[in-house]
Amino acid sequence: SGEIQKAETCFQPAPCSVVVFNIPDILDGPELHDVLEIHFQKPT
């Protein structure tokens, strides 16, 4: 039987994902989803 005596962790960025913060409450869910998706799909 094994028992973990010590574990070390570090935080590493996920290569394909980002987190968007501070989104104000001015749009409903589906509309906000579409607005964000359109923005982050623009090459510009």
Full PDB file with SEQRES, HELIX, SHEET, SSBOND, CRYST1, ORIGX, SCALE, CONECT and MASTER records, all heavy atoms in Angstrom:
SEQRES   1 A   44  SER GLY GLU ILE GLN LYS ALA GLU THR CYS PHE GLN PRO          
SEQRES   2 A   44  ALA PRO CYS SER VAL VAL VAL PHE ASN ILE PRO ASP ILE          
SEQRES   3 A   44  LEU ASP GLY PRO GLU LEU HIS ASP VAL LEU GLU ILE HIS          
SEQRES   4 A   44  PHE GLN LYS PRO THR                                          
HELIX    1 AA1 GLY A   29  GLN A   41  1                                  13    
CRYST1    1.000    1.000    1.000  90.00  90.00  90.00 P 1           1          
ORIGX1      1.000000  0.000000  0.000000        0.00000                         
ORIGX2      0.000000  1.000000  0.000000        0.00000                         
ORIGX3      0.000000  0.000000  1.000000        0.00000                         
SCALE1      1.000000  0.000000  0.000000        0.00000                         
SCALE2      0.000000  1.000000  0.000000        0.00000                         
SCALE3      0.000000  0.000000  1.000000        0.00000                         
ATOM      1  N   SER A   1       0.850  -1.184   0.000  1.00  0.00           N  
ATOM      2  CA  SER A   1       0.000   0.000   0.000  1.00  0.00           C  
ATOM      3  C   SER A   1       0.886   1.235   0.000  1.00  0.00           C  
ATOM      4  O   SER A   1       1.903   1.285   0.693  1.00  0.00           O  
ATOM      5  CB  SER A   1      -0.915   0.006   1.240  1.00  0.00           C  
ATOM      6  OG  SER A   1      -0.149  -0.025   2.423  1.00  0.00           O  
ATOM      7  N   GLY A   2       0.502   2.215  -0.813  1.00  0.00           N  
ATOM      8  CA  GLY A   2       1.290   3.441  -0.913  1.00  0.00           C  
ATOM      9  C   GLY A   2       0.563   4.628  -0.309  1.00  0.00           C  
ATOM     10  O   GLY A   2      -0.664   4.691  -0.304  1.00  0.00           O  
ATOM     11  N   GLU A   3       1.323   5.551   0.205  1.00  0.00           N  
ATOM     12  CA  GLU A   3       0.761   6.759   0.796  1.00  0.00           C  
ATOM     13  C   GLU A   3       1.579   7.963   0.340  1.00  0.00           C  
ATOM     14  O   GLU A   3       2.812   7.939   0.397  1.00  0.00           O  
ATOM     15  CB  GLU A   3       0.777   6.669   2.320  1.00  0.00           C  
ATOM     16  CG  GLU A   3       0.153   7.873   3.012  1.00  0.00           C  
ATOM     17  CD  GLU A   3       0.150   7.732   4.526  1.00  0.00           C  
ATOM     18  OE1 GLU A   3       0.431   6.633   5.026  1.00  0.00           O  
ATOM     19  OE2 GLU A   3      -0.126   8.740   5.200  1.00  0.00           O  
ATOM     20  N   ILE A   4       0.881   8.980  -0.146  1.00  0.00           N  
ATOM     21  CA  ILE A   4       1.568  10.194  -0.600  1.00  0.00           C  
ATOM     22  C   ILE A   4       2.082  10.963   0.615  1.00  0.00           C  
ATOM     23  O   ILE A   4       1.313  11.388   1.475  1.00  0.00           O  
ATOM     24  CB  ILE A   4       0.635  11.069  -1.438  1.00  0.00           C  
ATOM     25  CG1 ILE A   4       0.215  10.329  -2.722  1.00  0.00           C  
ATOM     26  CG2 ILE A   4       1.307  12.397  -1.794  1.00  0.00           C  
ATOM     27  CD1 ILE A   4      -0.741  11.100  -3.590  1.00  0.00           C  
ATOM     28  N   GLN A   5       3.395  11.120   0.696  1.00  0.00           N  
ATOM     29  CA  GLN A   5       4.012  11.855   1.795  1.00  0.00           C  
ATOM     30  C   GLN A   5       4.179  13.336   1.474  1.00  0.00           C  
ATOM     31  O   GLN A   5       4.090  14.185   2.347  1.00  0.00           O  
ATOM     32  CB  GLN A   5       5.386  11.247   2.115  1.00  0.00           C  
ATOM     33  CG  GLN A   5       5.340   9.795   2.538  1.00  0.00           C  
ATOM     34  CD  GLN A   5       4.691   9.603   3.886  1.00  0.00           C  
ATOM     35  OE1 GLN A   5       4.726  10.479   4.748  1.00  0.00           O  
ATOM     36  NE2 GLN A   5       4.079   8.453   4.086  1.00  0.00           N  
ATOM     37  N   LYS A   6       4.386  13.610   0.188  1.00  0.00           N  
ATOM     38  CA  LYS A   6       4.659  14.997  -0.196  1.00  0.00           C  
ATOM     39  C   LYS A   6       4.284  15.184  -1.657  1.00  0.00           C  
ATOM     40  O   LYS A   6       4.539  14.315  -2.481  1.00  0.00           O  
ATOM     41  CB  LYS A   6       6.145  15.315   0.013  1.00  0.00           C  
ATOM     42  CG  LYS A   6       6.547  16.742  -0.333  1.00  0.00           C  
ATOM     43  CD  LYS A   6       8.034  16.933  -0.119  1.00  0.00           C  
ATOM     44  CE  LYS A   6       8.481  18.334  -0.485  1.00  0.00           C  
ATOM     45  NZ  LYS A   6       9.944  18.507  -0.318  1.00  0.00           N  
ATOM     46  N   ALA A   7       3.664  16.287  -1.960  1.00  0.00           N  
ATOM     47  CA  ALA A   7       3.303  16.601  -3.342  1.00  0.00           C  
ATOM     48  C   ALA A   7       3.581  18.078  -3.600  1.00  0.00           C  
ATOM     49  O   ALA A   7       3.210  18.931  -2.795  1.00  0.00           O  
ATOM     50  CB  ALA A   7       1.839  16.279  -3.609  1.00  0.00           C  
ATOM     51  N   GLU A   8       4.246  18.360  -4.698  1.00  0.00           N  
ATOM     52  CA  GLU A   8       4.555  19.733  -5.073  1.00  0.00           C  
ATOM     53  C   GLU A   8       3.818  20.059  -6.369  1.00  0.00           C  
ATOM     54  O   GLU A   8       3.790  19.247  -7.293  1.00  0.00           O  
ATOM     55  CB  GLU A   8       6.058  19.917  -5.265  1.00  0.00           C  
ATOM     56  CG  GLU A   8       6.865  19.703  -3.984  1.00  0.00           C  
ATOM     57  CD  GLU A   8       8.355  19.852  -4.216  1.00  0.00           C  
ATOM     58  OE1 GLU A   8       8.740  20.149  -5.374  1.00  0.00           O  
ATOM     59  OE2 GLU A   8       9.128  19.695  -3.257  1.00  0.00           O  
ATOM     60  N   THR A   9       3.227  21.231  -6.414  1.00  0.00           N  
ATOM     61  CA  THR A   9       2.484  21.655  -7.591  1.00  0.00           C  
ATOM     62  C   THR A   9       2.984  23.016  -8.076  1.00  0.00           C  
ATOM     63  O   THR A   9       3.603  23.772  -7.312  1.00  0.00           O  
ATOM     64  CB  THR A   9       0.975  21.751  -7.302  1.00  0.00           C  
ATOM     65  OG1 THR A   9       0.763  22.712  -6.259  1.00  0.00           O  
ATOM     66  CG2 THR A   9       0.420  20.402  -6.866  1.00  0.00           C  
ATOM     67  N   CYS A  10       2.723  23.291  -9.308  1.00  0.00           N  
ATOM     68  CA  CYS A  10       2.986  24.613  -9.862  1.00  0.00           C  
ATOM     69  C   CYS A  10       1.868  24.918 -10.861  1.00  0.00           C  
ATOM     70  O   CYS A  10       1.171  24.015 -11.313  1.00  0.00           O  
ATOM     71  CB  CYS A  10       4.360  24.676 -10.534  1.00  0.00           C  
ATOM     72  SG  CYS A  10       4.465  23.715 -12.048  1.00  0.00           S  
ATOM     73  N   PHE A  11       1.695  26.195 -11.169  1.00  0.00           N  
ATOM     74  CA  PHE A  11       0.644  26.597 -12.099  1.00  0.00           C  
ATOM     75  C   PHE A  11       1.255  26.808 -13.485  1.00  0.00           C  
ATOM     76  O   PHE A  11       2.236  27.530 -13.640  1.00  0.00           O  
ATOM     77  CB  PHE A  11      -0.035  27.874 -11.613  1.00  0.00           C  
ATOM     78  CG  PHE A  11      -0.960  27.646 -10.452  1.00  0.00           C  
ATOM     79  CD1 PHE A  11      -0.488  27.679  -9.154  1.00  0.00           C  
ATOM     80  CD2 PHE A  11      -2.302  27.370 -10.661  1.00  0.00           C  
ATOM     81  CE1 PHE A  11      -1.332  27.451  -8.072  1.00  0.00           C  
ATOM     82  CE2 PHE A  11      -3.159  27.144  -9.597  1.00  0.00           C  
ATOM     83  CZ  PHE A  11      -2.681  27.191  -8.294  1.00  0.00           C  
ATOM     84  N   GLN A  12       0.651  26.155 -14.460  1.00  0.00           N  
ATOM     85  CA  GLN A  12       1.120  26.260 -15.833  1.00  0.00           C  
ATOM     86  C   GLN A  12      -0.028  26.715 -16.724  1.00  0.00           C  
ATOM     87  O   GLN A  12      -1.164  26.261 -16.555  1.00  0.00           O  
ATOM     88  CB  GLN A  12       1.655  24.914 -16.320  1.00  0.00           C  
ATOM     89  CG  GLN A  12       2.865  24.421 -15.557  1.00  0.00           C  
ATOM     90  CD  GLN A  12       3.395  23.103 -16.100  1.00  0.00           C  
ATOM     91  OE1 GLN A  12       2.847  22.565 -17.063  1.00  0.00           O  
ATOM     92  NE2 GLN A  12       4.443  22.599 -15.499  1.00  0.00           N  
ATOM     93  N   PRO A  13       0.236  27.603 -17.664  1.00  0.00           N  
ATOM     94  CA  PRO A  13      -0.834  28.092 -18.542  1.00  0.00           C  
ATOM     95  C   PRO A  13      -1.321  27.022 -19.503  1.00  0.00           C  
ATOM     96  O   PRO A  13      -0.522  26.262 -20.054  1.00  0.00           O  
ATOM     97  CB  PRO A  13      -0.173  29.253 -19.287  1.00  0.00           C  
ATOM     98  CG  PRO A  13       1.289  28.964 -19.227  1.00  0.00           C  
ATOM     99  CD  PRO A  13       1.540  28.241 -17.941  1.00  0.00           C  
ATOM    100  N   ALA A  14      -2.632  26.956 -19.677  1.00  0.00           N  
ATOM    101  CA  ALA A  14      -3.203  26.071 -20.696  1.00  0.00           C  
ATOM    102  C   ALA A  14      -2.951  26.711 -22.052  1.00  0.00           C  
ATOM    103  O   ALA A  14      -3.282  27.885 -22.270  1.00  0.00           O  
ATOM    104  CB  ALA A  14      -4.688  25.872 -20.448  1.00  0.00           C  
ATOM    105  N   PRO A  15      -2.370  26.007 -23.006  1.00  0.00           N  
ATOM    106  CA  PRO A  15      -1.876  26.636 -24.237  1.00  0.00           C  
ATOM    107  C   PRO A  15      -2.952  27.231 -25.135  1.00  0.00           C  
ATOM    108  O   PRO A  15      -2.676  28.172 -25.870  1.00  0.00           O  
ATOM    109  CB  PRO A  15      -1.138  25.493 -24.952  1.00  0.00           C  
ATOM    110  CG  PRO A  15      -1.724  24.241 -24.388  1.00  0.00           C  
ATOM    111  CD  PRO A  15      -2.087  24.560 -22.979  1.00  0.00           C  
ATOM    112  N   CYS A  16      -4.171  26.725 -25.102  1.00  0.00           N  
ATOM    113  CA  CYS A  16      -5.189  27.170 -26.053  1.00  0.00           C  
ATOM    114  C   CYS A  16      -6.297  28.003 -25.435  1.00  0.00           C  
ATOM    115  O   CYS A  16      -7.223  28.414 -26.142  1.00  0.00           O  
ATOM    116  CB  CYS A  16      -5.819  25.954 -26.746  1.00  0.00           C  
ATOM    117  SG  CYS A  16      -4.682  25.016 -27.781  1.00  0.00           S  
ATOM    118  N   SER A  17      -6.249  28.251 -24.119  1.00  0.00           N  
ATOM    119  CA  SER A  17      -7.383  28.889 -23.439  1.00  0.00           C  
ATOM    120  C   SER A  17      -6.986  30.185 -22.764  1.00  0.00           C  
ATOM    121  O   SER A  17      -5.835  30.367 -22.342  1.00  0.00           O  
ATOM    122  CB  SER A  17      -7.986  27.936 -22.397  1.00  0.00           C  
ATOM    123  OG  SER A  17      -8.452  26.745 -22.999  1.00  0.00           O  
ATOM    124  N   VAL A  18      -7.979  31.101 -22.653  1.00  0.00           N  
ATOM    125  CA  VAL A  18      -7.830  32.347 -21.914  1.00  0.00           C  
ATOM    126  C   VAL A  18      -9.086  32.559 -21.077  1.00  0.00           C  
ATOM    127  O   VAL A  18     -10.139  31.984 -21.355  1.00  0.00           O  
ATOM    128  CB  VAL A  18      -7.614  33.554 -22.857  1.00  0.00           C  
ATOM    129  CG1 VAL A  18      -6.366  33.376 -23.703  1.00  0.00           C  
ATOM    130  CG2 VAL A  18      -8.840  33.776 -23.734  1.00  0.00           C  
ATOM    131  N   VAL A  19      -8.947  33.375 -20.033  1.00  0.00           N  
ATOM    132  CA  VAL A  19     -10.091  33.709 -19.183  1.00  0.00           C  
ATOM    133  C   VAL A  19     -10.368  35.202 -19.304  1.00  0.00           C  
ATOM    134  O   VAL A  19      -9.448  36.020 -19.242  1.00  0.00           O  
ATOM    135  CB  VAL A  19      -9.821  33.345 -17.712  1.00  0.00           C  
ATOM    136  CG1 VAL A  19     -11.065  33.592 -16.865  1.00  0.00           C  
ATOM    137  CG2 VAL A  19      -9.397  31.891 -17.583  1.00  0.00           C  
ATOM    138  N   VAL A  20     -11.642  35.540 -19.501  1.00  0.00           N  
ATOM    139  CA  VAL A  20     -12.084  36.932 -19.626  1.00  0.00           C  
ATOM    140  C   VAL A  20     -12.761  37.334 -18.315  1.00  0.00           C  
ATOM    141  O   VAL A  20     -13.672  36.644 -17.844  1.00  0.00           O  
ATOM    142  CB  VAL A  20     -13.058  37.094 -20.803  1.00  0.00           C  
ATOM    143  CG1 VAL A  20     -13.443  38.559 -20.969  1.00  0.00           C  
ATOM    144  CG2 VAL A  20     -12.441  36.540 -22.092  1.00  0.00           C  
ATOM    145  N   PHE A  21     -12.300  38.433 -17.712  1.00  0.00           N  
ATOM    146  CA  PHE A  21     -12.834  38.901 -16.432  1.00  0.00           C  
ATOM    147  C   PHE A  21     -13.542  40.252 -16.582  1.00  0.00           C  
ATOM    148  O   PHE A  21     -13.401  40.940 -17.597  1.00  0.00           O  
ATOM    149  CB  PHE A  21     -11.708  39.029 -15.398  1.00  0.00           C  
ATOM    150  CG  PHE A  21     -11.094  37.714 -14.987  1.00  0.00           C  
ATOM    151  CD1 PHE A  21      -9.868  37.321 -15.500  1.00  0.00           C  
ATOM    152  CD2 PHE A  21     -11.736  36.872 -14.086  1.00  0.00           C  
ATOM    153  CE1 PHE A  21      -9.289  36.122 -15.124  1.00  0.00           C  
ATOM    154  CE2 PHE A  21     -11.171  35.674 -13.703  1.00  0.00           C  
ATOM    155  CZ  PHE A  21      -9.943  35.295 -14.222  1.00  0.00           C  
ATOM    156  N   ASN A  22     -14.264  40.591 -15.501  1.00  0.00           N  
ATOM    157  CA  ASN A  22     -14.923  41.913 -15.378  1.00  0.00           C  
ATOM    158  C   ASN A  22     -15.930  42.174 -16.500  1.00  0.00           C  
ATOM    159  O   ASN A  22     -15.990  43.293 -17.056  1.00  0.00           O  
ATOM    160  CB  ASN A  22     -13.881  43.036 -15.321  1.00  0.00           C  
ATOM    161  CG  ASN A  22     -12.968  42.901 -14.110  1.00  0.00           C  
ATOM    162  OD1 ASN A  22     -13.381  42.383 -13.070  1.00  0.00           O  
ATOM    163  ND2 ASN A  22     -11.734  43.361 -14.259  1.00  0.00           N  
ATOM    164  N   ILE A  23     -16.732  41.175 -16.835  1.00  0.00           N  
ATOM    165  CA  ILE A  23     -17.780  41.357 -17.836  1.00  0.00           C  
ATOM    166  C   ILE A  23     -18.996  41.981 -17.141  1.00  0.00           C  
ATOM    167  O   ILE A  23     -19.554  41.378 -16.209  1.00  0.00           O  
ATOM    168  CB  ILE A  23     -18.170  40.014 -18.486  1.00  0.00           C  
ATOM    169  CG1 ILE A  23     -16.944  39.362 -19.138  1.00  0.00           C  
ATOM    170  CG2 ILE A  23     -19.286  40.215 -19.503  1.00  0.00           C  
ATOM    171  CD1 ILE A  23     -17.217  37.974 -19.697  1.00  0.00           C  
ATOM    172  N   PRO A  24     -19.425  43.172 -17.549  1.00  0.00           N  
ATOM    173  CA  PRO A  24     -20.563  43.821 -16.875  1.00  0.00           C  
ATOM    174  C   PRO A  24     -21.884  43.123 -17.180  1.00  0.00           C  
ATOM    175  O   PRO A  24     -22.030  42.432 -18.197  1.00  0.00           O  
ATOM    176  CB  PRO A  24     -20.542  45.242 -17.437  1.00  0.00           C  
ATOM    177  CG  PRO A  24     -19.868  45.118 -18.767  1.00  0.00           C  
ATOM    178  CD  PRO A  24     -18.857  44.019 -18.621  1.00  0.00           C  
ATOM    179  N   ASP A  25     -22.852  43.340 -16.315  1.00  0.00           N  
ATOM    180  CA  ASP A  25     -24.156  42.688 -16.451  1.00  0.00           C  
ATOM    181  C   ASP A  25     -25.099  43.592 -17.246  1.00  0.00           C  
ATOM    182  O   ASP A  25     -26.019  44.211 -16.701  1.00  0.00           O  
ATOM    183  CB  ASP A  25     -24.724  42.398 -15.061  1.00  0.00           C  
ATOM    184  CG  ASP A  25     -25.987  41.551 -15.131  1.00  0.00           C  
ATOM    185  OD1 ASP A  25     -26.257  40.996 -16.203  1.00  0.00           O  
ATOM    186  OD2 ASP A  25     -26.691  41.465 -14.100  1.00  0.00           O  
ATOM    187  N   ILE A  26     -24.855  43.634 -18.575  1.00  0.00           N  
ATOM    188  CA  ILE A  26     -25.716  44.481 -19.413  1.00  0.00           C  
ATOM    189  C   ILE A  26     -26.370  43.695 -20.546  1.00  0.00           C  
ATOM    190  O   ILE A  26     -27.233  44.230 -21.249  1.00  0.00           O  
ATOM    191  CB  ILE A  26     -24.925  45.668 -20.001  1.00  0.00           C  
ATOM    192  CG1 ILE A  26     -23.772  45.167 -20.871  1.00  0.00           C  
ATOM    193  CG2 ILE A  26     -24.408  46.588 -18.889  1.00  0.00           C  
ATOM    194  CD1 ILE A  26     -23.055  46.283 -21.602  1.00  0.00           C  
ATOM    195  N   LEU A  27     -25.956  42.428 -20.726  1.00  0.00           N  
ATOM    196  CA  LEU A  27     -26.534  41.598 -21.779  1.00  0.00           C  
ATOM    197  C   LEU A  27     -26.965  40.261 -21.182  1.00  0.00           C  
ATOM    198  O   LEU A  27     -26.382  39.781 -20.206  1.00  0.00           O  
ATOM    199  CB  LEU A  27     -25.508  41.343 -22.897  1.00  0.00           C  
ATOM    200  CG  LEU A  27     -25.017  42.573 -23.686  1.00  0.00           C  
ATOM    201  CD1 LEU A  27     -23.892  42.157 -24.630  1.00  0.00           C  
ATOM    202  CD2 LEU A  27     -26.157  43.206 -24.472  1.00  0.00           C  
ATOM    203  N   ASP A  28     -27.981  39.678 -21.792  1.00  0.00           N  
ATOM    204  CA  ASP A  28     -28.394  38.353 -21.319  1.00  0.00           C  
ATOM    205  C   ASP A  28     -27.416  37.295 -21.835  1.00  0.00           C  
ATOM    206  O   ASP A  28     -26.541  37.575 -22.674  1.00  0.00           O  
ATOM    207  CB  ASP A  28     -29.824  38.024 -21.749  1.00  0.00           C  
ATOM    208  CG  ASP A  28     -30.007  38.054 -23.263  1.00  0.00           C  
ATOM    209  OD1 ASP A  28     -28.981  38.051 -23.976  1.00  0.00           O  
ATOM    210  OD2 ASP A  28     -31.162  38.058 -23.720  1.00  0.00           O  
ATOM    211  N   GLY A  29     -27.545  36.065 -21.335  1.00  0.00           N  
ATOM    212  CA  GLY A  29     -26.579  35.002 -21.618  1.00  0.00           C  
ATOM    213  C   GLY A  29     -26.327  34.729 -23.077  1.00  0.00           C  
ATOM    214  O   GLY A  29     -25.181  34.846 -23.558  1.00  0.00           O  
ATOM    215  N   PRO A  30     -27.334  34.357 -23.859  1.00  0.00           N  
ATOM    216  CA  PRO A  30     -27.099  34.029 -25.263  1.00  0.00           C  
ATOM    217  C   PRO A  30     -26.522  35.185 -26.067  1.00  0.00           C  
ATOM    218  O   PRO A  30     -25.637  34.998 -26.910  1.00  0.00           O  
ATOM    219  CB  PRO A  30     -28.492  33.639 -25.772  1.00  0.00           C  
ATOM    220  CG  PRO A  30     -29.241  33.203 -24.546  1.00  0.00           C  
ATOM    221  CD  PRO A  30     -28.729  34.071 -23.452  1.00  0.00           C  
ATOM    222  N   GLU A  31     -27.017  36.404 -25.822  1.00  0.00           N  
ATOM    223  CA  GLU A  31     -26.516  37.555 -26.568  1.00  0.00           C  
ATOM    224  C   GLU A  31     -25.065  37.848 -26.217  1.00  0.00           C  
ATOM    225  O   GLU A  31     -24.237  38.151 -27.093  1.00  0.00           O  
ATOM    226  CB  GLU A  31     -27.392  38.772 -26.276  1.00  0.00           C  
ATOM    227  CG  GLU A  31     -27.061  39.977 -27.156  1.00  0.00           C  
ATOM    228  CD  GLU A  31     -27.985  41.156 -26.909  1.00  0.00           C  
ATOM    229  OE1 GLU A  31     -28.886  41.027 -26.034  1.00  0.00           O  
ATOM    230  OE2 GLU A  31     -27.815  42.188 -27.586  1.00  0.00           O  
ATOM    231  N   LEU A  32     -24.729  37.756 -24.909  1.00  0.00           N  
ATOM    232  CA  LEU A  32     -23.352  37.984 -24.483  1.00  0.00           C  
ATOM    233  C   LEU A  32     -22.426  36.933 -25.080  1.00  0.00           C  
ATOM    234  O   LEU A  32     -21.302  37.245 -25.507  1.00  0.00           O  
ATOM    235  CB  LEU A  32     -23.275  37.960 -22.955  1.00  0.00           C  
ATOM    236  CG  LEU A  32     -21.894  38.136 -22.343  1.00  0.00           C  
ATOM    237  CD1 LEU A  32     -21.277  39.470 -22.747  1.00  0.00           C  
ATOM    238  CD2 LEU A  32     -21.967  38.020 -20.820  1.00  0.00           C  
ATOM    239  N   HIS A  33     -22.880  35.699 -25.134  1.00  0.00           N  
ATOM    240  CA  HIS A  33     -22.087  34.619 -25.719  1.00  0.00           C  
ATOM    241  C   HIS A  33     -21.755  34.936 -27.185  1.00  0.00           C  
ATOM    242  O   HIS A  33     -20.588  34.799 -27.614  1.00  0.00           O  
ATOM    243  CB  HIS A  33     -22.872  33.307 -25.627  1.00  0.00           C  
ATOM    244  CG  HIS A  33     -22.127  32.111 -26.150  1.00  0.00           C  
ATOM    245  ND1 HIS A  33     -22.001  31.843 -27.500  1.00  0.00           N  
ATOM    246  CD2 HIS A  33     -21.475  31.118 -25.500  1.00  0.00           C  
ATOM    247  CE1 HIS A  33     -21.302  30.740 -27.666  1.00  0.00           C  
ATOM    248  NE2 HIS A  33     -20.971  30.268 -26.466  1.00  0.00           N  
ATOM    249  N   ASP A  34     -22.742  35.393 -27.952  1.00  0.00           N  
ATOM    250  CA  ASP A  34     -22.515  35.694 -29.365  1.00  0.00           C  
ATOM    251  C   ASP A  34     -21.566  36.863 -29.541  1.00  0.00           C  
ATOM    252  O   ASP A  34     -20.685  36.846 -30.421  1.00  0.00           O  
ATOM    253  CB  ASP A  34     -23.851  35.999 -30.051  1.00  0.00           C  
ATOM    254  CG  ASP A  34     -24.754  34.775 -30.126  1.00  0.00           C  
ATOM    255  OD1 ASP A  34     -24.240  33.652 -29.987  1.00  0.00           O  
ATOM    256  OD2 ASP A  34     -25.976  34.955 -30.294  1.00  0.00           O  
ATOM    257  N   VAL A  35     -21.719  37.907 -28.690  1.00  0.00           N  
ATOM    258  CA  VAL A  35     -20.854  39.087 -28.796  1.00  0.00           C  
ATOM    259  C   VAL A  35     -19.403  38.718 -28.523  1.00  0.00           C  
ATOM    260  O   VAL A  35     -18.475  39.141 -29.249  1.00  0.00           O  
ATOM    261  CB  VAL A  35     -21.341  40.180 -27.819  1.00  0.00           C  
ATOM    262  CG1 VAL A  35     -20.296  41.285 -27.701  1.00  0.00           C  
ATOM    263  CG2 VAL A  35     -22.659  40.767 -28.290  1.00  0.00           C  
ATOM    264  N   LEU A  36     -19.169  37.928 -27.491  1.00  0.00           N  
ATOM    265  CA  LEU A  36     -17.799  37.518 -27.152  1.00  0.00           C  
ATOM    266  C   LEU A  36     -17.203  36.629 -28.245  1.00  0.00           C  
ATOM    267  O   LEU A  36     -16.032  36.783 -28.618  1.00  0.00           O  
ATOM    268  CB  LEU A  36     -17.788  36.779 -25.812  1.00  0.00           C  
ATOM    269  CG  LEU A  36     -18.100  37.610 -24.564  1.00  0.00           C  
ATOM    270  CD1 LEU A  36     -18.192  36.708 -23.335  1.00  0.00           C  
ATOM    271  CD2 LEU A  36     -17.036  38.685 -24.351  1.00  0.00           C  
ATOM    272  N   GLU A  37     -18.000  35.704 -28.754  1.00  0.00           N  
ATOM    273  CA  GLU A  37     -17.491  34.791 -29.776  1.00  0.00           C  
ATOM    274  C   GLU A  37     -17.113  35.550 -31.045  1.00  0.00           C  
ATOM    275  O   GLU A  37     -16.052  35.283 -31.656  1.00  0.00           O  
ATOM    276  CB  GLU A  37     -18.539  33.726 -30.088  1.00  0.00           C  
ATOM    277  CG  GLU A  37     -18.035  32.638 -31.028  1.00  0.00           C  
ATOM    278  CD  GLU A  37     -19.029  31.507 -31.156  1.00  0.00           C  
ATOM    279  OE1 GLU A  37     -20.238  31.727 -30.924  1.00  0.00           O  
ATOM    280  OE2 GLU A  37     -18.600  30.386 -31.508  1.00  0.00           O  
ATOM    281  N   ILE A  38     -17.929  36.511 -31.452  1.00  0.00           N  
ATOM    282  CA  ILE A  38     -17.625  37.300 -32.649  1.00  0.00           C  
ATOM    283  C   ILE A  38     -16.340  38.093 -32.459  1.00  0.00           C  
ATOM    284  O   ILE A  38     -15.480  38.158 -33.351  1.00  0.00           O  
ATOM    285  CB  ILE A  38     -18.809  38.238 -32.985  1.00  0.00           C  
ATOM    286  CG1 ILE A  38     -20.012  37.417 -33.439  1.00  0.00           C  
ATOM    287  CG2 ILE A  38     -18.404  39.249 -34.057  1.00  0.00           C  
ATOM    288  CD1 ILE A  38     -21.284  38.229 -33.607  1.00  0.00           C  
ATOM    289  N   HIS A  39     -16.188  38.689 -31.262  1.00  0.00           N  
ATOM    290  CA  HIS A  39     -15.004  39.507 -30.999  1.00  0.00           C  
ATOM    291  C   HIS A  39     -13.726  38.674 -31.077  1.00  0.00           C  
ATOM    292  O   HIS A  39     -12.746  39.077 -31.731  1.00  0.00           O  
ATOM    293  CB  HIS A  39     -15.112  40.158 -29.626  1.00  0.00           C  
ATOM    294  CG  HIS A  39     -13.862  40.866 -29.202  1.00  0.00           C  
ATOM    295  ND1 HIS A  39     -13.536  42.139 -29.633  1.00  0.00           N  
ATOM    296  CD2 HIS A  39     -12.831  40.462 -28.395  1.00  0.00           C  
ATOM    297  CE1 HIS A  39     -12.377  42.492 -29.108  1.00  0.00           C  
ATOM    298  NE2 HIS A  39     -11.929  41.499 -28.350  1.00  0.00           N  
ATOM    299  N   PHE A  40     -13.722  37.507 -30.401  1.00  0.00           N  
ATOM    300  CA  PHE A  40     -12.485  36.719 -30.328  1.00  0.00           C  
ATOM    301  C   PHE A  40     -12.235  35.882 -31.584  1.00  0.00           C  
ATOM    302  O   PHE A  40     -11.207  35.225 -31.673  1.00  0.00           O  
ATOM    303  CB  PHE A  40     -12.522  35.816 -29.085  1.00  0.00           C  
ATOM    304  CG  PHE A  40     -12.329  36.578 -27.805  1.00  0.00           C  
ATOM    305  CD1 PHE A  40     -13.389  36.744 -26.918  1.00  0.00           C  
ATOM    306  CD2 PHE A  40     -11.107  37.144 -27.493  1.00  0.00           C  
ATOM    307  CE1 PHE A  40     -13.218  37.456 -25.739  1.00  0.00           C  
ATOM    308  CE2 PHE A  40     -10.929  37.851 -26.309  1.00  0.00           C  
ATOM    309  CZ  PHE A  40     -11.991  38.019 -25.435  1.00  0.00           C  
ATOM    310  N   GLN A  41     -13.134  35.967 -32.553  1.00  0.00           N  
ATOM    311  CA  GLN A  41     -12.877  35.330 -33.833  1.00  0.00           C  
ATOM    312  C   GLN A  41     -12.316  36.299 -34.869  1.00  0.00           C  
ATOM    313  O   GLN A  41     -11.864  35.866 -35.932  1.00  0.00           O  
ATOM    314  CB  GLN A  41     -14.174  34.705 -34.383  1.00  0.00           C  
ATOM    315  CG  GLN A  41     -14.540  33.381 -33.721  1.00  0.00           C  
ATOM    316  CD  GLN A  41     -15.776  32.753 -34.344  1.00  0.00           C  
ATOM    317  OE1 GLN A  41     -16.617  33.445 -34.906  1.00  0.00           O  
ATOM    318  NE2 GLN A  41     -15.896  31.442 -34.231  1.00  0.00           N  
ATOM    319  N   LYS A  42     -12.298  37.580 -34.542  1.00  0.00           N  
ATOM    320  CA  LYS A  42     -11.818  38.583 -35.504  1.00  0.00           C  
ATOM    321  C   LYS A  42     -10.294  38.583 -35.562  1.00  0.00           C  
ATOM    322  O   LYS A  42      -9.629  38.800 -34.550  1.00  0.00           O  
ATOM    323  CB  LYS A  42     -12.302  39.966 -35.105  1.00  0.00           C  
ATOM    324  CG  LYS A  42     -13.811  40.167 -35.257  1.00  0.00           C  
ATOM    325  CD  LYS A  42     -14.198  41.582 -34.851  1.00  0.00           C  
ATOM    326  CE  LYS A  42     -15.687  41.834 -35.049  1.00  0.00           C  
ATOM    327  NZ  LYS A  42     -16.078  43.199 -34.638  1.00  0.00           N  
ATOM    328  N   PRO A  43      -9.702  38.350 -36.723  1.00  0.00           N  
ATOM    329  CA  PRO A  43      -8.236  38.419 -36.847  1.00  0.00           C  
ATOM    330  C   PRO A  43      -7.690  39.803 -36.501  1.00  0.00           C  
ATOM    331  O   PRO A  43      -6.552  39.914 -36.027  1.00  0.00           O  
ATOM    332  CB  PRO A  43      -7.988  38.071 -38.322  1.00  0.00           C  
ATOM    333  CG  PRO A  43      -9.202  37.307 -38.742  1.00  0.00           C  
ATOM    334  CD  PRO A  43     -10.340  37.908 -37.971  1.00  0.00           C  
ATOM    335  N   THR A  44      -8.481  40.865 -36.736  1.00  0.00           N  
ATOM    336  CA  THR A  44      -8.016  42.214 -36.422  1.00  0.00           C  
ATOM    337  C   THR A  44      -7.860  42.418 -34.918  1.00  0.00           C  
ATOM    338  O   THR A  44      -7.165  43.345 -34.491  1.00  0.00           O  
ATOM    339  CB  THR A  44      -9.005  43.249 -36.972  1.00  0.00           C  
ATOM    340  OG1 THR A  44     -10.323  42.981 -36.454  1.00  0.00           O  
ATOM    341  CG2 THR A  44      -9.043  43.195 -38.483  1.00  0.00           C  
TER     342      THR A  44                                                      
MASTER        0    0    0    1    0    0    0    6  341    1    0    4          
END                                                                             
